[in-house]
Amino acid sequence: MANLLKKHRQLRGTAASTYRKALFSIFGEKELPYIQSTDDHNVIATWKASPQEQIKKSESLHREVNHSTESENEDDEDEEAFINEEE
């Protein structure tokens, strides 16, 4: 039983690390302000209520990320087509 718990913790840590790396590779540190889950609840509430976070909440989280294009113009065209499909 102890081995199962140890393996579960290891897999959970690996998954969390993978998610963090993916988020930071997409959004970068400038777009994701640093906050710790161990921070005081008042600090977290202030962070959530900040204008920067309110703007992000109103934006769609579902957007196409296309890293295989050769030019920026091609990527912009794909993004416009994707946005039009959502509407």
PDB file of N, CA and C in Angstrom:
ATOM      1  N   MET A   1       0.823  -1.196   0.000  1.00  0.00           N
ATOM      2  CA  MET A   1       0.000   0.000   0.000  1.00  0.00           C
ATOM      3  C   MET A   1       0.869   1.263   0.000  1.00  0.00           C
ATOM      4  N   ALA A   2       1.942   1.248   0.774  1.00  0.00           N
ATOM      5  CA  ALA A   2       2.835   2.406   0.841  1.00  0.00           C
ATOM      6  C   ALA A   2       3.487   2.669  -0.518  1.00  0.00           C
ATOM      7  N   ASN A   3       3.806   1.583  -1.228  1.00  0.00           N
ATOM      8  CA  ASN A   3       4.404   1.750  -2.555  1.00  0.00           C
ATOM      9  C   ASN A   3       3.423   2.386  -3.538  1.00  0.00           C
ATOM     10  N   LEU A   4       2.143   2.014  -3.426  1.00  0.00           N
ATOM     11  CA  LEU A   4       1.132   2.610  -4.299  1.00  0.00           C
ATOM     12  C   LEU A   4       0.980   4.100  -4.030  1.00  0.00           C
ATOM     13  N   LEU A   5       0.970   4.482  -2.758  1.00  0.00           N
ATOM     14  CA  LEU A   5       0.862   5.897  -2.411  1.00  0.00           C
ATOM     15  C   LEU A   5       2.074   6.681  -2.917  1.00  0.00           C
ATOM     16  N   LYS A   6       3.241   6.085  -2.770  1.00  0.00           N
ATOM     17  CA  LYS A   6       4.460   6.745  -3.238  1.00  0.00           C
ATOM     18  C   LYS A   6       4.417   6.933  -4.757  1.00  0.00           C
ATOM     19  N   LYS A   7       3.992   5.892  -5.471  1.00  0.00           N
ATOM     20  CA  LYS A   7       3.906   5.969  -6.927  1.00  0.00           C
ATOM     21  C   LYS A   7       2.856   7.008  -7.344  1.00  0.00           C
ATOM     22  N   HIS A   8       1.726   7.046  -6.639  1.00  0.00           N
ATOM     23  CA  HIS A   8       0.668   8.018  -6.936  1.00  0.00           C
ATOM     24  C   HIS A   8       1.179   9.444  -6.754  1.00  0.00           C
ATOM     25  N   ARG A   9       1.883   9.711  -5.674  1.00  0.00           N
ATOM     26  CA  ARG A   9       2.442  11.049  -5.430  1.00  0.00           C
ATOM     27  C   ARG A   9       3.440  11.433  -6.517  1.00  0.00           C
ATOM     28  N   GLN A  10       4.243  10.458  -6.929  1.00  0.00           N
ATOM     29  CA  GLN A  10       5.232  10.718  -7.972  1.00  0.00           C
ATOM     30  C   GLN A  10       4.540  11.077  -9.290  1.00  0.00           C
ATOM     31  N   LEU A  11       3.520  10.319  -9.667  1.00  0.00           N
ATOM     32  CA  LEU A  11       2.796  10.589 -10.913  1.00  0.00           C
ATOM     33  C   LEU A  11       2.062  11.926 -10.848  1.00  0.00           C
ATOM     34  N   ARG A  12       1.484  12.230  -9.691  1.00  0.00           N
ATOM     35  CA  ARG A  12       0.783  13.505  -9.522  1.00  0.00           C
ATOM     36  C   ARG A  12       1.761  14.671  -9.659  1.00  0.00           C
ATOM     37  N   GLY A  13       2.934  14.542  -9.078  1.00  0.00           N
ATOM     38  CA  GLY A  13       3.953  15.585  -9.188  1.00  0.00           C
ATOM     39  C   GLY A  13       4.442  15.755 -10.615  1.00  0.00           C
ATOM     40  N   THR A  14       4.608  14.641 -11.317  1.00  0.00           N
ATOM     41  CA  THR A  14       5.037  14.690 -12.712  1.00  0.00           C
ATOM     42  C   THR A  14       3.980  15.371 -13.571  1.00  0.00           C
ATOM     43  N   ALA A  15       2.713  15.041 -13.345  1.00  0.00           N
ATOM     44  CA  ALA A  15       1.623  15.656 -14.110  1.00  0.00           C
ATOM     45  C   ALA A  15       1.558  17.155 -13.838  1.00  0.00           C
ATOM     46  N   ALA A  16       1.650  17.544 -12.582  1.00  0.00           N
ATOM     47  CA  ALA A  16       1.598  18.971 -12.231  1.00  0.00           C
ATOM     48  C   ALA A  16       2.758  19.727 -12.873  1.00  0.00           C
ATOM     49  N   SER A  17       3.920  19.139 -12.862  1.00  0.00           N
ATOM     50  CA  SER A  17       5.091  19.768 -13.478  1.00  0.00           C
ATOM     51  C   SER A  17       4.894  19.925 -14.985  1.00  0.00           C
ATOM     52  N   THR A  18       4.333  18.916 -15.615  1.00  0.00           N
ATOM     53  CA  THR A  18       4.067  18.970 -17.054  1.00  0.00           C
ATOM     54  C   THR A  18       3.063  20.065 -17.378  1.00  0.00           C
ATOM     55  N   TYR A  19       2.015  20.185 -16.573  1.00  0.00           N
ATOM     56  CA  TYR A  19       1.004  21.232 -16.792  1.00  0.00           C
ATOM     57  C   TYR A  19       1.623  22.623 -16.647  1.00  0.00           C
ATOM     58  N   ARG A  20       2.434  22.802 -15.608  1.00  0.00           N
ATOM     59  CA  ARG A  20       3.082  24.105 -15.400  1.00  0.00           C
ATOM     60  C   ARG A  20       3.972  24.476 -16.588  1.00  0.00           C
ATOM     61  N   LYS A  21       4.761  23.520 -17.052  1.00  0.00           N
ATOM     62  CA  LYS A  21       5.641  23.785 -18.193  1.00  0.00           C
ATOM     63  C   LYS A  21       4.831  24.159 -19.431  1.00  0.00           C
ATOM     64  N   ALA A  22       3.724  23.462 -19.662  1.00  0.00           N
ATOM     65  CA  ALA A  22       2.889  23.757 -20.830  1.00  0.00           C
ATOM     66  C   ALA A  22       2.273  25.144 -20.721  1.00  0.00           C
ATOM     67  N   LEU A  23       1.752  25.491 -19.555  1.00  0.00           N
ATOM     68  CA  LEU A  23       1.148  26.814 -19.371  1.00  0.00           C
ATOM     69  C   LEU A  23       2.166  27.922 -19.581  1.00  0.00           C
ATOM     70  N   PHE A  24       3.350  27.770 -19.000  1.00  0.00           N
ATOM     71  CA  PHE A  24       4.370  28.804 -19.141  1.00  0.00           C
ATOM     72  C   PHE A  24       4.923  28.863 -20.563  1.00  0.00           C
ATOM     73  N   SER A  25       4.949  27.738 -21.274  1.00  0.00           N
ATOM     74  CA  SER A  25       5.426  27.776 -22.661  1.00  0.00           C
ATOM     75  C   SER A  25       4.431  28.494 -23.560  1.00  0.00           C
ATOM     76  N   ILE A  26       3.145  28.432 -23.237  1.00  0.00           N
ATOM     77  CA  ILE A  26       2.119  29.097 -24.044  1.00  0.00           C
ATOM     78  C   ILE A  26       1.976  30.559 -23.659  1.00  0.00           C
ATOM     79  N   PHE A  27       1.835  30.832 -22.366  1.00  0.00           N
ATOM     80  CA  PHE A  27       1.520  32.185 -21.917  1.00  0.00           C
ATOM     81  C   PHE A  27       2.728  32.984 -21.455  1.00  0.00           C
ATOM     82  N   GLY A  28       3.761  32.326 -20.986  1.00  0.00           N
ATOM     83  CA  GLY A  28       4.952  33.025 -20.510  1.00  0.00           C
ATOM     84  C   GLY A  28       4.750  33.633 -19.132  1.00  0.00           C
ATOM     85  N   GLU A  29       5.848  33.993 -18.503  1.00  0.00           N
ATOM     86  CA  GLU A  29       5.796  34.521 -17.144  1.00  0.00           C
ATOM     87  C   GLU A  29       5.180  35.908 -17.077  1.00  0.00           C
ATOM     88  N   LYS A  30       5.275  36.681 -18.163  1.00  0.00           N
ATOM     89  CA  LYS A  30       4.700  38.025 -18.151  1.00  0.00           C
ATOM     90  C   LYS A  30       3.182  37.980 -18.097  1.00  0.00           C
ATOM     91  N   GLU A  31       2.581  36.967 -18.714  1.00  0.00           N
ATOM     92  CA  GLU A  31       1.126  36.857 -18.756  1.00  0.00           C
ATOM     93  C   GLU A  31       0.565  36.128 -17.537  1.00  0.00           C
ATOM     94  N   LEU A  32       1.410  35.403 -16.833  1.00  0.00           N
ATOM     95  CA  LEU A  32       0.963  34.646 -15.665  1.00  0.00           C
ATOM     96  C   LEU A  32       1.657  35.181 -14.419  1.00  0.00           C
ATOM     97  N   PRO A  33       1.034  36.094 -13.707  1.00  0.00           N
ATOM     98  CA  PRO A  33       1.669  36.629 -12.507  1.00  0.00           C
ATOM     99  C   PRO A  33       1.886  35.526 -11.467  1.00  0.00           C
ATOM    100  N   TYR A  34       2.967  35.646 -10.751  1.00  0.00           N
ATOM    101  CA  TYR A  34       3.363  34.631  -9.774  1.00  0.00           C
ATOM    102  C   TYR A  34       2.500  34.718  -8.518  1.00  0.00           C
ATOM    103  N   ILE A  35       1.997  33.581  -8.092  1.00  0.00           N
ATOM    104  CA  ILE A  35       1.253  33.488  -6.830  1.00  0.00           C
ATOM    105  C   ILE A  35       1.422  32.062  -6.311  1.00  0.00           C
ATOM    106  N   GLN A  36       1.461  31.925  -5.005  1.00  0.00           N
ATOM    107  CA  GLN A  36       1.611  30.601  -4.402  1.00  0.00           C
ATOM    108  C   GLN A  36       0.306  30.192  -3.739  1.00  0.00           C
ATOM    109  N   SER A  37       0.023  28.906  -3.755  1.00  0.00           N
ATOM    110  CA  SER A  37      -1.190  28.412  -3.108  1.00  0.00           C
ATOM    111  C   SER A  37      -1.103  28.548  -1.593  1.00  0.00           C
ATOM    112  N   THR A  38       0.105  28.754  -1.070  1.00  0.00           N
ATOM    113  CA  THR A  38       0.278  28.910   0.371  1.00  0.00           C
ATOM    114  C   THR A  38       0.136  30.360   0.819  1.00  0.00           C
ATOM    115  N   ASP A  39      -0.074  31.274  -0.147  1.00  0.00           N
ATOM    116  CA  ASP A  39      -0.265  32.682   0.210  1.00  0.00           C
ATOM    117  C   ASP A  39      -1.540  32.853   1.030  1.00  0.00           C
ATOM    118  N   ASP A  40      -1.575  33.915   1.805  1.00  0.00           N
ATOM    119  CA  ASP A  40      -2.742  34.254   2.610  1.00  0.00           C
ATOM    120  C   ASP A  40      -3.969  34.408   1.705  1.00  0.00           C
ATOM    121  N   HIS A  41      -5.146  34.029   2.209  1.00  0.00           N
ATOM    122  CA  HIS A  41      -6.353  34.091   1.381  1.00  0.00           C
ATOM    123  C   HIS A  41      -6.667  35.515   0.917  1.00  0.00           C
ATOM    124  N   ASN A  42      -6.260  36.514   1.678  1.00  0.00           N
ATOM    125  CA  ASN A  42      -6.476  37.904   1.257  1.00  0.00           C
ATOM    126  C   ASN A  42      -5.615  38.252   0.040  1.00  0.00           C
ATOM    127  N   VAL A  43      -4.395  37.732   0.009  1.00  0.00           N
ATOM    128  CA  VAL A  43      -3.501  37.961  -1.131  1.00  0.00           C
ATOM    129  C   VAL A  43      -4.090  37.312  -2.384  1.00  0.00           C
ATOM    130  N   ILE A  44      -4.599  36.104  -2.242  1.00  0.00           N
ATOM    131  CA  ILE A  44      -5.188  35.391  -3.376  1.00  0.00           C
ATOM    132  C   ILE A  44      -6.448  36.100  -3.859  1.00  0.00           C
ATOM    133  N   ALA A  45      -7.299  36.549  -2.937  1.00  0.00           N
ATOM    134  CA  ALA A  45      -8.521  37.269  -3.317  1.00  0.00           C
ATOM    135  C   ALA A  45      -8.188  38.569  -4.047  1.00  0.00           C
ATOM    136  N   THR A  46      -7.168  39.278  -3.583  1.00  0.00           N
ATOM    137  CA  THR A  46      -6.740  40.518  -4.239  1.00  0.00           C
ATOM    138  C   THR A  46      -6.220  40.225  -5.640  1.00  0.00           C
ATOM    139  N   TRP A  47      -5.445  39.149  -5.774  1.00  0.00           N
ATOM    140  CA  TRP A  47      -4.916  38.751  -7.073  1.00  0.00           C
ATOM    141  C   TRP A  47      -6.053  38.422  -8.048  1.00  0.00           C
ATOM    142  N   LYS A  48      -7.045  37.666  -7.575  1.00  0.00           N
ATOM    143  CA  LYS A  48      -8.168  37.296  -8.434  1.00  0.00           C
ATOM    144  C   LYS A  48      -8.996  38.504  -8.848  1.00  0.00           C
ATOM    145  N   ALA A  49      -9.086  39.502  -7.987  1.00  0.00           N
ATOM    146  CA  ALA A  49      -9.900  40.687  -8.266  1.00  0.00           C
ATOM    147  C   ALA A  49      -9.142  41.754  -9.052  1.00  0.00           C
ATOM    148  N   SER A  50      -7.856  41.537  -9.300  1.00  0.00           N
ATOM    149  CA  SER A  50      -7.056  42.546 -10.002  1.00  0.00           C
ATOM    150  C   SER A  50      -7.596  42.759 -11.414  1.00  0.00           C
ATOM    151  N   PRO A  51      -7.472  43.983 -11.933  1.00  0.00           N
ATOM    152  CA  PRO A  51      -7.968  44.276 -13.289  1.00  0.00           C
ATOM    153  C   PRO A  51      -7.365  43.358 -14.347  1.00  0.00           C
ATOM    154  N   GLN A  52      -6.102  43.007 -14.180  1.00  0.00           N
ATOM    155  CA  GLN A  52      -5.434  42.136 -15.146  1.00  0.00           C
ATOM    156  C   GLN A  52      -6.133  40.776 -15.203  1.00  0.00           C
ATOM    157  N   GLU A  53      -6.492  40.235 -14.055  1.00  0.00           N
ATOM    158  CA  GLU A  53      -7.152  38.933 -14.019  1.00  0.00           C
ATOM    159  C   GLU A  53      -8.586  39.032 -14.524  1.00  0.00           C
ATOM    160  N   GLN A  54      -9.268  40.136 -14.266  1.00  0.00           N
ATOM    161  CA  GLN A  54     -10.632  40.313 -14.750  1.00  0.00           C
ATOM    162  C   GLN A  54     -10.658  40.329 -16.275  1.00  0.00           C
ATOM    163  N   ILE A  55      -9.673  40.966 -16.878  1.00  0.00           N
ATOM    164  CA  ILE A  55      -9.591  40.998 -18.342  1.00  0.00           C
ATOM    165  C   ILE A  55      -9.383  39.586 -18.872  1.00  0.00           C
ATOM    166  N   LYS A  56      -8.501  38.834 -18.241  1.00  0.00           N
ATOM    167  CA  LYS A  56      -8.222  37.475 -18.700  1.00  0.00           C
ATOM    168  C   LYS A  56      -9.451  36.585 -18.585  1.00  0.00           C
ATOM    169  N   LYS A  57     -10.256  36.780 -17.538  1.00  0.00           N
ATOM    170  CA  LYS A  57     -11.444  35.951 -17.360  1.00  0.00           C
ATOM    171  C   LYS A  57     -12.439  36.164 -18.486  1.00  0.00           C
ATOM    172  N   SER A  58     -12.496  37.360 -19.028  1.00  0.00           N
ATOM    173  CA  SER A  58     -13.458  37.636 -20.091  1.00  0.00           C
ATOM    174  C   SER A  58     -12.977  37.160 -21.453  1.00  0.00           C
ATOM    175  N   GLU A  59     -11.700  36.877 -21.581  1.00  0.00           N
ATOM    176  CA  GLU A  59     -11.157  36.377 -22.843  1.00  0.00           C
ATOM    177  C   GLU A  59     -11.378  34.870 -22.927  1.00  0.00           C
ATOM    178  N   SER A  60     -11.489  34.381 -24.111  1.00  0.00           N
ATOM    179  CA  SER A  60     -11.677  32.952 -24.317  1.00  0.00           C
ATOM    180  C   SER A  60     -10.387  32.202 -24.004  1.00  0.00           C
ATOM    181  N   LEU A  61     -10.524  31.097 -23.298  1.00  0.00           N
ATOM    182  CA  LEU A  61      -9.362  30.264 -23.005  1.00  0.00           C
ATOM    183  C   LEU A  61      -9.095  29.281 -24.137  1.00  0.00           C
ATOM    184  N   HIS A  62     -10.053  29.163 -25.047  1.00  0.00           N
ATOM    185  CA  HIS A  62      -9.932  28.209 -26.135  1.00  0.00           C
ATOM    186  C   HIS A  62      -9.502  28.938 -27.395  1.00  0.00           C
ATOM    187  N   ARG A  63      -8.233  28.845 -27.682  1.00  0.00           N
ATOM    188  CA  ARG A  63      -7.725  29.454 -28.898  1.00  0.00           C
ATOM    189  C   ARG A  63      -6.713  28.515 -29.519  1.00  0.00           C
ATOM    190  N   GLU A  64      -6.618  28.589 -30.816  1.00  0.00           N
ATOM    191  CA  GLU A  64      -5.712  27.717 -31.535  1.00  0.00           C
ATOM    192  C   GLU A  64      -4.279  28.210 -31.369  1.00  0.00           C
ATOM    193  N   VAL A  65      -3.373  27.298 -31.078  1.00  0.00           N
ATOM    194  CA  VAL A  65      -1.956  27.617 -31.003  1.00  0.00           C
ATOM    195  C   VAL A  65      -1.291  26.839 -32.125  1.00  0.00           C
ATOM    196  N   ASN A  66      -0.757  27.567 -33.090  1.00  0.00           N
ATOM    197  CA  ASN A  66      -0.172  26.941 -34.262  1.00  0.00           C
ATOM    198  C   ASN A  66       1.311  27.290 -34.315  1.00  0.00           C
ATOM    199  N   HIS A  67       2.147  26.322 -33.963  1.00  0.00           N
ATOM    200  CA  HIS A  67       3.594  26.555 -33.920  1.00  0.00           C
ATOM    201  C   HIS A  67       4.287  26.111 -35.209  1.00  0.00           C
ATOM    202  N   SER A  68       3.550  25.527 -36.134  1.00  0.00           N
ATOM    203  CA  SER A  68       4.191  24.949 -37.315  1.00  0.00           C
ATOM    204  C   SER A  68       4.170  25.867 -38.528  1.00  0.00           C
ATOM    205  N   THR A  69       3.655  27.085 -38.403  1.00  0.00           N
ATOM    206  CA  THR A  69       3.588  27.975 -39.561  1.00  0.00           C
ATOM    207  C   THR A  69       4.951  28.578 -39.856  1.00  0.00           C
ATOM    208  N   GLU A  70       5.148  28.916 -41.110  1.00  0.00           N
ATOM    209  CA  GLU A  70       6.431  29.472 -41.525  1.00  0.00           C
ATOM    210  C   GLU A  70       6.479  30.983 -41.423  1.00  0.00           C
ATOM    211  N   SER A  71       5.317  31.637 -41.480  1.00  0.00           N
ATOM    212  CA  SER A  71       5.318  33.092 -41.406  1.00  0.00           C
ATOM    213  C   SER A  71       4.258  33.562 -40.427  1.00  0.00           C
ATOM    214  N   GLU A  72       4.455  34.755 -39.886  1.00  0.00           N
ATOM    215  CA  GLU A  72       3.494  35.311 -38.939  1.00  0.00           C
ATOM    216  C   GLU A  72       2.168  35.608 -39.612  1.00  0.00           C
ATOM    217  N   ASN A  73       2.190  36.040 -40.877  1.00  0.00           N
ATOM    218  CA  ASN A  73       0.956  36.348 -41.595  1.00  0.00           C
ATOM    219  C   ASN A  73       0.075  35.120 -41.733  1.00  0.00           C
ATOM    220  N   GLU A  74       0.687  33.987 -42.004  1.00  0.00           N
ATOM    221  CA  GLU A  74      -0.066  32.747 -42.138  1.00  0.00           C
ATOM    222  C   GLU A  74      -0.738  32.400 -40.818  1.00  0.00           C
ATOM    223  N   ASP A  75      -0.031  32.590 -39.714  1.00  0.00           N
ATOM    224  CA  ASP A  75      -0.574  32.319 -38.391  1.00  0.00           C
ATOM    225  C   ASP A  75      -1.748  33.245 -38.091  1.00  0.00           C
ATOM    226  N   ASP A  76      -1.639  34.531 -38.471  1.00  0.00           N
ATOM    227  CA  ASP A  76      -2.719  35.484 -38.252  1.00  0.00           C
ATOM    228  C   ASP A  76      -3.969  35.086 -39.019  1.00  0.00           C
ATOM    229  N   GLU A  77      -3.793  34.608 -40.255  1.00  0.00           N
ATOM    230  CA  GLU A  77      -4.937  34.182 -41.053  1.00  0.00           C
ATOM    231  C   GLU A  77      -5.632  32.998 -40.403  1.00  0.00           C
ATOM    232  N   ASP A  78      -4.870  32.041 -39.887  1.00  0.00           N
ATOM    233  CA  ASP A  78      -5.447  30.888 -39.210  1.00  0.00           C
ATOM    234  C   ASP A  78      -6.227  31.322 -37.981  1.00  0.00           C
ATOM    235  N   GLU A  79      -5.691  32.275 -37.235  1.00  0.00           N
ATOM    236  CA  GLU A  79      -6.350  32.756 -36.022  1.00  0.00           C
ATOM    237  C   GLU A  79      -7.668  33.439 -36.365  1.00  0.00           C
ATOM    238  N   GLU A  80      -7.675  34.247 -37.421  1.00  0.00           N
ATOM    239  CA  GLU A  80      -8.901  34.926 -37.832  1.00  0.00           C
ATOM    240  C   GLU A  80      -9.955  33.910 -38.250  1.00  0.00           C
ATOM    241  N   ALA A  81      -9.569  32.882 -38.970  1.00  0.00           N
ATOM    242  CA  ALA A  81     -10.511  31.851 -39.398  1.00  0.00           C
ATOM    243  C   ALA A  81     -11.082  31.122 -38.194  1.00  0.00           C
ATOM    244  N   PHE A  82     -10.244  30.827 -37.214  1.00  0.00           N
ATOM    245  CA  PHE A  82     -10.690  30.126 -36.014  1.00  0.00           C
ATOM    246  C   PHE A  82     -11.674  30.980 -35.224  1.00  0.00           C
ATOM    247  N   ILE A  83     -11.399  32.268 -35.098  1.00  0.00           N
ATOM    248  CA  ILE A  83     -12.287  33.169 -34.370  1.00  0.00           C
ATOM    249  C   ILE A  83     -13.636  33.252 -35.078  1.00  0.00           C
ATOM    250  N   ASN A  84     -13.630  33.338 -36.402  1.00  0.00           N
ATOM    251  CA  ASN A  84     -14.879  33.404 -37.155  1.00  0.00           C
ATOM    252  C   ASN A  84     -15.699  32.132 -37.001  1.00  0.00           C
ATOM    253  N   GLU A  85     -15.049  30.987 -36.882  1.00  0.00           N
ATOM    254  CA  GLU A  85     -15.758  29.727 -36.672  1.00  0.00           C
ATOM    255  C   GLU A  85     -16.479  29.719 -35.336  1.00  0.00           C
ATOM    256  N   GLU A  86     -15.880  30.321 -34.303  1.00  0.00           N
ATOM    257  CA  GLU A  86     -16.495  30.347 -32.974  1.00  0.00           C
ATOM    258  C   GLU A  86     -17.764  31.178 -32.955  1.00  0.00           C
ATOM    259  N   GLU A  87     -17.797  32.251 -33.738  1.00  0.00           N
ATOM    260  CA  GLU A  87     -18.954  33.142 -33.761  1.00  0.00           C
ATOM    261  C   GLU A  87     -20.072  32.483 -34.492  1.00  0.00           C
TER     262      GLU A  87
END
